[in-house]
């Protein structure tokens, strides 16, 4: 931060000076935000995604070849277009670009954390976001800026062409129990027949009020429920029934992120 002068010029020994838009203020803001965070956060580690890496490579190579500096490719593609060439995504996606001479990866991370010139600080917020689970980056040379880096964040990614459950390591389809006419099915039917539906409805009411009063109390339940997804197939807790969902675990992930934000 001390290398930024009063004219918002960043000077690093042995490198060309860089004209900043905000100067020291953006760095101070980033430092304050990091100081205000708990020493141990509950942020899950980012997972490297080979699918996002392909999309990041596409744009970084385009920038290297053409000298482009923006988010749009020379073919008119957006980062969403490039991601969707290789995978399906859920929740949210974000692209971060860094330009300039870089000799250490931490310089790229600092640039995204500070997010100088971007009042919304979307680079910083996505690095520190609960919903950021998958990440990949591509780094290379640039004819105008010396170096360029393209980073992609996503809440969820799965391959475009994959059999149900393959992305979760399930081979040969789902081995769900055949409960037609079996003893388990009869026991389940008796349980449903004997259930007190009025009490059941009251419990729904009580649970909704619990969510309204303590929304974060339901996060653990939703996280446990994610384990019951096999691709787009969602199984009951006892494993006896299954339904094919429209979105797979994406809606659950979005619900979890919403509750965390309350």
Protein backbone atom coordinates (compact mmCIF):
# COMPACT_ATOMS: atom_id res chain seq x y z
CA UNK A 1 0.00 0.00 0.00
CA UNK A 2 2.95 2.35 0.71
CA UNK A 3 4.00 2.04 -2.94
CA UNK A 4 0.93 4.02 -4.07
CA UNK A 5 1.68 7.74 -4.33
CA UNK A 6 -0.68 10.70 -3.97
CA UNK A 7 -1.47 10.62 -7.70
CA UNK A 8 -2.76 7.03 -7.44
CA UNK A 9 0.32 5.60 -9.18
CA UNK A 10 1.54 2.19 -8.00
CA UNK A 11 5.32 1.96 -8.19
CA UNK A 12 7.11 -1.39 -7.83
CA UNK A 13 10.90 -1.52 -8.22
CA UNK A 14 11.96 -2.93 -11.58
CA UNK A 15 8.51 -2.56 -13.15
CA UNK A 16 6.59 0.05 -15.07
CA UNK A 17 4.38 2.30 -12.89
CA UNK A 18 0.64 1.54 -12.90
CA UNK A 19 -2.03 4.23 -12.81
CA UNK A 20 -4.76 3.25 -10.35
CA UNK A 21 -8.30 4.61 -10.17
CA UNK A 22 -8.74 4.66 -6.39
CA UNK A 23 -5.26 4.56 -4.96
CA UNK A 24 -4.71 3.51 -1.34
CA UNK A 25 -8.39 3.58 -0.41
CA UNK A 26 -9.23 0.27 -2.12
CA UNK A 27 -6.32 -1.42 -0.35
CA UNK A 28 -7.35 0.00 3.03
CA UNK A 29 -10.90 -1.20 2.46
CA UNK A 30 -9.72 -4.74 1.65
CA UNK A 31 -7.49 -4.81 4.74
CA UNK A 32 -10.33 -3.65 6.99
CA UNK A 33 -12.69 -6.29 5.59
CA UNK A 34 -10.15 -9.08 6.13
CA UNK A 35 -9.44 -7.84 9.68
CA UNK A 36 -13.15 -7.91 10.46
CA UNK A 37 -13.54 -11.53 9.38
CA UNK A 38 -13.27 -14.28 12.03
CA UNK A 39 -9.86 -15.92 12.29
CA UNK A 40 -11.40 -19.29 11.41
CA UNK A 41 -14.23 -19.04 8.90
CA UNK A 42 -16.60 -21.80 7.85
CA UNK A 43 -15.83 -21.25 4.16
CA UNK A 44 -15.35 -24.57 2.38
CA UNK A 45 -12.10 -24.91 0.39
CA UNK A 46 -12.44 -24.21 -3.32
CA UNK A 47 -12.27 -27.29 -5.54
CA UNK A 48 -10.32 -27.12 -8.80
CA UNK A 49 -12.58 -27.81 -11.77
CA UNK A 50 -11.15 -29.24 -14.99
CA UNK A 51 -14.37 -28.16 -16.70
CA UNK A 52 -13.96 -24.54 -15.66
CA UNK A 53 -10.28 -24.75 -16.60
CA UNK A 54 -11.24 -25.48 -20.21
CA UNK A 55 -13.50 -22.43 -20.30
CA UNK A 56 -10.84 -20.23 -18.68
CA UNK A 57 -8.25 -21.48 -21.19
CA UNK A 58 -10.49 -20.53 -24.09
CA UNK A 59 -10.69 -16.88 -23.07
CA UNK A 60 -7.11 -16.53 -21.84
CA UNK A 61 -5.75 -17.94 -25.12
CA UNK A 62 -8.02 -15.55 -27.00
CA UNK A 63 -6.67 -12.63 -24.95
CA UNK A 64 -3.08 -13.77 -25.54
CA UNK A 65 -3.63 -14.08 -29.28
CA UNK A 66 -5.64 -10.91 -29.89
CA UNK A 67 -4.65 -8.52 -27.11
CA UNK A 68 -8.22 -8.27 -25.87
CA UNK A 69 -8.67 -7.06 -22.31
CA UNK A 70 -12.38 -7.45 -21.61
CA UNK A 71 -14.75 -10.21 -20.59
CA UNK A 72 -16.14 -10.80 -24.09
CA UNK A 73 -14.30 -13.11 -26.49
CA UNK A 74 -13.32 -12.23 -30.05
CA UNK A 75 -16.13 -14.54 -31.18
CA UNK A 76 -18.63 -12.54 -29.11
CA UNK A 77 -18.86 -15.20 -26.39
CA UNK A 78 -19.53 -14.34 -22.76
CA UNK A 79 -18.01 -16.27 -19.87
CA UNK A 80 -21.39 -17.96 -19.43
CA UNK A 81 -21.22 -19.12 -23.07
CA UNK A 82 -17.72 -20.50 -22.59
CA UNK A 83 -18.60 -22.32 -19.37
CA UNK A 84 -21.64 -23.89 -21.01
CA UNK A 85 -19.43 -25.34 -23.76
CA UNK A 86 -18.09 -27.80 -21.22
CA UNK A 87 -20.50 -28.17 -18.32
CA UNK A 88 -23.81 -27.48 -16.67
CA UNK A 89 -23.67 -25.07 -13.76
CA UNK A 90 -25.92 -24.21 -10.87
CA UNK A 91 -26.23 -21.46 -8.31
CA UNK A 92 -23.92 -18.77 -9.61
CA UNK A 93 -20.90 -18.25 -11.86
CA UNK A 94 -18.37 -15.43 -11.98
CA UNK A 95 -15.33 -14.50 -14.07
CA UNK A 96 -12.36 -12.54 -12.75
CA UNK A 97 -9.71 -11.08 -15.07
CA UNK A 98 -6.29 -9.75 -14.08
CA UNK A 99 -3.97 -7.83 -16.40
CA UNK A 100 -0.42 -6.68 -15.75
CA UNK A 101 3.08 -7.97 -15.15
CA UNK A 102 2.86 -10.71 -12.52
CA UNK A 103 5.77 -12.62 -10.99
CA UNK A 104 3.97 -14.31 -8.12
CA UNK A 105 0.45 -15.85 -7.95
CA UNK A 106 -0.26 -13.87 -4.79
CA UNK A 107 -0.19 -10.70 -6.89
CA UNK A 108 -3.21 -11.97 -8.84
CA UNK A 109 -5.05 -12.92 -5.65
CA UNK A 110 -4.34 -9.51 -4.11
CA UNK A 111 -5.57 -7.79 -7.26
CA UNK A 112 -8.87 -9.69 -7.06
CA UNK A 113 -9.20 -9.15 -3.30
CA UNK A 114 -8.60 -5.41 -3.58
CA UNK A 115 -10.67 -5.20 -6.78
CA UNK A 116 -9.42 -1.66 -7.40
CA UNK A 117 -11.62 0.29 -9.79
CA UNK A 118 -14.66 -1.95 -9.27
CA UNK A 119 -16.94 -0.27 -6.75
CA UNK A 120 -19.04 -3.43 -6.37
CA UNK A 121 -15.96 -5.45 -5.34
CA UNK A 122 -17.36 -8.54 -7.02
CA UNK A 123 -13.92 -10.12 -7.24
CA UNK A 124 -13.45 -9.88 -3.50
CA UNK A 125 -16.98 -10.98 -2.68
CA UNK A 126 -16.68 -14.10 -4.85
CA UNK A 127 -13.39 -15.16 -3.31
CA UNK A 128 -14.96 -14.86 0.15
CA UNK A 129 -18.43 -16.17 -0.76
CA UNK A 130 -20.00 -19.29 0.71
CA UNK A 131 -21.43 -20.15 -2.70
CA UNK A 132 -18.02 -20.25 -4.39
CA UNK A 133 -17.18 -23.96 -4.41
CA UNK A 134 -15.47 -24.63 -7.76
CA UNK A 135 -12.64 -22.65 -9.35
CA UNK A 136 -10.11 -22.71 -12.17
CA UNK A 137 -7.74 -20.19 -13.72
CA UNK A 138 -5.62 -19.80 -16.84
CA UNK A 139 -2.51 -17.61 -16.91
CA UNK A 140 -0.41 -16.46 -19.85
CA UNK A 141 1.26 -13.63 -21.73
CA UNK A 142 -0.45 -10.56 -23.14
CA UNK A 143 0.88 -8.32 -25.91
CA UNK A 144 -0.27 -5.11 -24.22
CA UNK A 145 -0.32 -5.92 -20.49
CA UNK A 146 2.59 -8.41 -20.24
CA UNK A 147 0.41 -11.01 -18.51
CA UNK A 148 -3.26 -11.93 -18.28
CA UNK A 149 -5.16 -14.26 -15.99
CA UNK A 150 -8.73 -15.52 -16.29
CA UNK A 151 -10.38 -17.02 -13.21
CA UNK A 152 -13.78 -18.69 -13.07
CA UNK A 153 -15.87 -19.37 -9.96
CA UNK A 154 -19.01 -21.52 -9.73
CA UNK A 155 -21.30 -22.84 -7.02
CA UNK A 156 -21.79 -26.15 -8.83
CA UNK A 157 -20.58 -27.72 -12.08
CA UNK A 158 -21.25 -31.11 -13.66
CA UNK A 159 -20.22 -32.46 -17.10
CA UNK A 160 -22.47 -31.77 -20.07
CA UNK A 161 -22.77 -35.38 -21.15
CA UNK A 162 -22.87 -37.74 -18.20
CA UNK A 163 -25.10 -40.60 -17.13
CA UNK A 164 -27.19 -39.98 -14.03
CA UNK A 165 -24.96 -40.24 -10.98
CA UNK A 166 -21.62 -40.48 -12.81
CA UNK A 167 -20.53 -37.08 -11.53
CA UNK A 168 -20.93 -38.47 -8.01
CA UNK A 169 -18.93 -41.60 -8.74
CA UNK A 170 -21.96 -43.88 -9.09
CA UNK A 171 -21.46 -46.39 -11.89
CA UNK A 172 -23.94 -48.69 -13.53
CA UNK A 173 -27.00 -46.69 -12.61
CA UNK A 174 -28.77 -46.43 -9.31
CA UNK A 175 -29.00 -49.48 -7.08
CA UNK A 176 -32.25 -48.45 -5.45
CA UNK A 177 -34.12 -51.17 -3.59
CA UNK A 178 -36.98 -52.85 -5.42
CA UNK A 179 -39.80 -52.31 -2.97
CA UNK A 180 -42.78 -53.24 -5.10
CA UNK A 181 -44.89 -55.63 -3.05
CA UNK A 182 -42.08 -56.29 -0.57
CA UNK A 183 -42.20 -56.32 3.22
CA UNK A 184 -40.60 -52.86 3.43
CA UNK A 185 -43.30 -51.50 1.13
CA UNK A 186 -46.05 -53.01 3.30
CA UNK A 187 -44.55 -51.52 6.45
CA UNK A 188 -44.28 -48.14 4.78
CA UNK A 189 -47.91 -48.32 3.64
CA UNK A 190 -49.09 -49.18 7.17
CA UNK A 191 -47.07 -46.30 8.60
CA UNK A 192 -48.63 -43.85 6.16
CA UNK A 193 -52.12 -45.22 6.80
CA UNK A 194 -51.75 -44.85 10.57
CA UNK A 195 -50.15 -41.41 10.50
CA UNK A 196 -52.03 -38.58 12.21
CA UNK A 197 -52.21 -36.13 9.32
CA UNK A 198 -53.54 -33.29 11.45
CA UNK A 199 -50.48 -33.51 13.69
CA UNK A 200 -48.33 -33.81 10.59
CA UNK A 201 -49.78 -30.56 9.20
CA UNK A 202 -49.28 -28.83 12.54
CA UNK A 203 -45.65 -29.88 12.51
CA UNK A 204 -45.26 -28.28 9.08
CA UNK A 205 -46.67 -25.06 10.52
CA UNK A 206 -44.31 -25.19 13.51
CA UNK A 207 -41.28 -25.87 11.31
CA UNK A 208 -42.09 -22.93 9.05
CA UNK A 209 -42.22 -20.66 12.07
CA UNK A 210 -38.88 -22.08 13.20
CA UNK A 211 -37.38 -21.18 9.82
CA UNK A 212 -38.77 -17.66 10.11
CA UNK A 213 -37.28 -17.24 13.58
CA UNK A 214 -33.98 -19.12 13.14
CA UNK A 215 -33.32 -19.62 9.41
CA UNK A 216 -29.78 -20.89 9.90
CA UNK A 217 -31.06 -23.80 12.01
CA UNK A 218 -32.14 -25.56 8.81
CA UNK A 219 -28.80 -25.39 7.03
CA UNK A 220 -27.48 -28.60 8.61
CA UNK A 221 -30.60 -30.50 7.54
CA UNK A 222 -30.31 -29.28 3.95
CA UNK A 223 -26.62 -30.18 3.87
CA UNK A 224 -27.43 -33.72 5.03
CA UNK A 225 -30.14 -33.92 2.38
CA UNK A 226 -27.60 -33.17 -0.36
CA UNK A 227 -26.05 -36.59 0.29
CA UNK A 228 -29.27 -38.22 -0.91
CA UNK A 229 -28.84 -36.91 -4.46
CA UNK A 230 -27.58 -39.22 -7.19
CA UNK A 231 -27.32 -36.95 -10.19
CA UNK A 232 -30.83 -35.53 -10.56
CA UNK A 233 -32.34 -38.41 -8.54
CA UNK A 234 -33.34 -37.64 -4.94
CA UNK A 235 -33.94 -40.58 -2.61
CA UNK A 236 -36.01 -40.69 0.55
CA UNK A 237 -34.22 -40.88 3.90
CA UNK A 238 -34.93 -44.61 4.18
CA UNK A 239 -33.79 -45.19 0.58
CA UNK A 240 -37.06 -46.86 -0.41
CA UNK A 241 -38.35 -44.24 -2.82
CA UNK A 242 -36.76 -41.85 -5.30
CA UNK A 243 -37.88 -39.00 -7.52
CA UNK A 244 -36.27 -37.39 -10.54
CA UNK A 245 -35.87 -33.66 -9.89
CA UNK A 246 -35.70 -30.89 -12.47
CA UNK A 247 -32.64 -29.13 -11.04
CA UNK A 248 -30.81 -31.78 -9.06
CA UNK A 249 -29.02 -30.45 -5.96
CA UNK A 250 -28.83 -26.91 -7.36
CA UNK A 251 -32.02 -25.71 -5.68
CA UNK A 252 -30.83 -27.15 -2.35
CA UNK A 253 -27.51 -25.32 -2.68
CA UNK A 254 -29.33 -22.07 -3.46
CA UNK A 255 -31.59 -22.57 -0.42
CA UNK A 256 -28.57 -23.17 1.82
CA UNK A 257 -26.86 -20.01 0.55
CA UNK A 258 -30.06 -18.03 1.09
CA UNK A 259 -30.40 -19.25 4.68
CA UNK A 260 -26.75 -18.44 5.38
CA UNK A 261 -27.36 -14.88 4.22
CA UNK A 262 -30.23 -14.31 6.66
